Amino acid sequence: DVQLQASGGGLAQAGGSLRLSCAASQLHLDDYAIGWFRQAPGKEREGVSCIDSSSGSKYYADSVKGRFTISSDNAKNTVYLQMNSLKPEDTAVYYCAAGRYAAIADIVRKQPPSRVHYDYWGQGTQVTVSS
């Protein structure tokens, strides 16, 4: 079975950094889009950033552009989300997810990721940013 293991969350001060990891098993990153979503209390889950490793295409939500960087390491089958200049509004549970054709199309077309295009989800990791 496909499994995604998200890790790296924690507590950071505003202006600080964290790096999230999403380790995938039973799938090849070249065949899937990997997306990072987040959900803050009382809010809907939103797409933050995603990557299509086969093309190198990436997407960032406007709220994180210039601060977050997504990357993939095919040898480790792991996708990273480097989060710099963190803000209190970045506080949320962060989830990684994997999707195929429709999810890849979103990235290539530079459209926000749609949750329904992602088939597999990790368990989430909490990110808390203090002011």
Protein backbone atom coordinates (compact mmCIF):
# COMPACT_ATOMS: atom_id res chain seq x y z
CA ASP A 1 0.00 0.00 0.00
CA VAL A 2 1.09 3.56 -0.69
CA GLN A 3 2.13 5.35 2.48
CA LEU A 4 3.16 8.93 3.08
CA GLN A 5 4.95 9.86 6.28
CA ALA A 6 5.05 13.57 7.10
CA SER A 7 7.51 14.83 9.69
CA GLY A 8 9.47 17.90 10.73
CA GLY A 9 6.79 20.01 12.32
CA GLY A 10 7.26 21.74 15.62
CA LEU A 11 7.34 25.08 17.36
CA ALA A 12 9.11 28.04 15.78
CA GLN A 13 9.26 31.74 16.45
CA ALA A 14 8.07 34.25 13.91
CA GLY A 15 10.82 34.76 11.37
CA GLY A 16 12.20 31.30 12.01
CA SER A 17 12.44 28.23 9.82
CA LEU A 18 11.29 24.64 9.71
CA ARG A 19 11.73 21.89 7.14
CA LEU A 20 8.99 19.37 6.59
CA SER A 21 9.65 15.99 5.02
CA CYS A 22 7.25 13.67 3.24
CA ALA A 23 8.65 10.16 2.86
CA ALA A 24 6.78 8.08 0.31
CA SER A 25 6.66 4.32 0.03
CA GLN A 26 5.22 2.08 -2.69
CA LEU A 27 5.21 4.87 -5.25
CA HIS A 28 7.70 6.61 -7.50
CA LEU A 29 7.88 10.37 -7.25
CA ASP A 30 8.19 10.65 -11.03
CA ASP A 31 4.69 9.17 -11.37
CA TYR A 32 2.93 11.37 -8.84
CA ALA A 33 2.39 14.96 -7.88
CA ILE A 34 3.18 15.55 -4.22
CA GLY A 35 1.37 18.36 -2.52
CA TRP A 36 1.56 20.04 0.84
CA PHE A 37 -1.73 21.17 2.32
CA ARG A 38 -2.43 22.81 5.65
CA GLN A 39 -5.43 23.17 7.89
CA ALA A 40 -5.72 25.69 10.66
CA PRO A 41 -8.37 25.37 13.38
CA GLY A 42 -11.78 26.33 12.06
CA LYS A 43 -10.53 26.70 8.50
CA GLU A 44 -10.66 24.60 5.40
CA ARG A 45 -7.67 22.63 4.23
CA GLU A 46 -5.73 24.66 1.68
CA GLY A 47 -3.03 23.82 -0.81
CA VAL A 48 0.31 25.37 0.06
CA SER A 49 2.76 23.98 -2.46
CA CYS A 50 3.11 21.03 -4.79
CA ILE A 51 5.62 19.51 -7.15
CA ASP A 52 5.65 17.33 -10.22
CA SER A 53 9.08 15.73 -10.00
CA SER A 54 9.08 14.42 -13.55
CA SER A 55 8.78 17.89 -15.10
CA GLY A 56 10.18 19.94 -12.24
CA SER A 57 7.03 22.05 -12.21
CA LYS A 58 6.09 23.62 -8.88
CA TYR A 59 3.23 25.58 -7.45
CA TYR A 60 3.14 27.92 -4.48
CA ALA A 61 0.16 29.61 -2.92
CA ASP A 62 0.47 33.40 -2.92
CA SER A 63 0.62 33.39 0.87
CA VAL A 64 3.89 31.43 0.91
CA LYS A 65 5.65 32.58 -2.28
CA GLY A 66 9.17 33.72 -1.60
CA ARG A 67 9.18 32.09 1.84
CA PHE A 68 8.59 28.37 1.21
CA THR A 69 10.53 26.11 -1.15
CA ILE A 70 9.45 22.65 -2.24
CA SER A 71 11.96 20.09 -3.47
CA SER A 72 12.21 16.39 -4.08
CA ASP A 73 14.91 13.77 -3.64
CA ASN A 74 14.05 10.82 -5.85
CA ALA A 75 16.82 8.69 -4.39
CA LYS A 76 15.21 9.00 -0.97
CA ASN A 77 11.66 9.10 -2.36
CA THR A 78 11.11 12.15 -0.20
CA VAL A 79 9.67 15.60 -0.79
CA TYR A 80 10.68 18.53 1.39
CA LEU A 81 9.05 21.82 2.23
CA GLN A 82 11.54 24.38 3.48
CA MET A 83 9.65 27.06 5.35
CA ASN A 84 11.47 30.31 6.07
CA SER A 85 10.34 33.64 7.48
CA LEU A 86 7.53 31.89 9.28
CA LYS A 87 4.52 33.87 10.41
CA PRO A 88 1.94 33.11 13.10
CA GLU A 89 -0.63 32.64 10.33
CA ASP A 90 1.40 29.67 9.08
CA THR A 91 0.29 27.78 12.18
CA ALA A 92 -1.61 24.69 11.06
CA VAL A 93 -1.46 20.96 10.65
CA TYR A 94 0.47 20.26 7.47
CA TYR A 95 -0.37 17.25 5.33
CA CYS A 96 1.41 15.80 2.36
CA ALA A 97 -0.53 14.03 -0.34
CA ALA A 98 0.06 12.20 -3.60
CA GLY A 99 -2.00 12.36 -6.74
CA ARG A 100 -1.60 11.41 -10.35
CA TYR A 101 -2.83 12.88 -13.61
CA ALA A 102 -5.32 15.50 -12.44
CA ALA A 103 -2.98 16.66 -9.68
CA ILE A 104 -0.08 16.90 -12.12
CA ALA A 105 -2.26 18.85 -14.54
CA ASP A 106 -3.05 21.38 -11.82
CA ILE A 107 0.65 22.04 -11.33
CA VAL A 108 1.49 22.27 -15.01
CA ARG A 109 -1.39 24.69 -15.54
CA LYS A 110 -0.30 26.69 -12.50
CA GLN A 111 -3.66 26.19 -10.85
CA PRO A 112 -4.23 25.81 -7.11
CA PRO A 113 -4.16 22.15 -6.09
CA SER A 114 -7.51 20.51 -5.61
CA ARG A 115 -7.83 18.14 -2.68
CA VAL A 116 -10.02 15.79 -4.69
CA HIS A 117 -7.16 15.21 -7.14
CA TYR A 118 -5.01 13.64 -4.41
CA ASP A 119 -5.52 9.98 -3.65
CA TYR A 120 -3.13 9.34 -0.77
CA TRP A 121 -2.62 11.39 2.37
CA GLY A 122 -0.10 11.38 5.16
CA GLN A 123 -1.01 11.72 8.80
CA GLY A 124 -0.18 15.42 9.22
CA THR A 125 2.43 17.25 11.25
CA GLN A 126 1.73 20.25 13.49
CA VAL A 127 3.47 23.54 12.82
CA THR A 128 3.09 26.24 15.45
CA VAL A 129 4.59 29.70 14.97
CA SER A 130 4.69 32.01 17.95
CA SER A 131 4.76 35.79 17.63
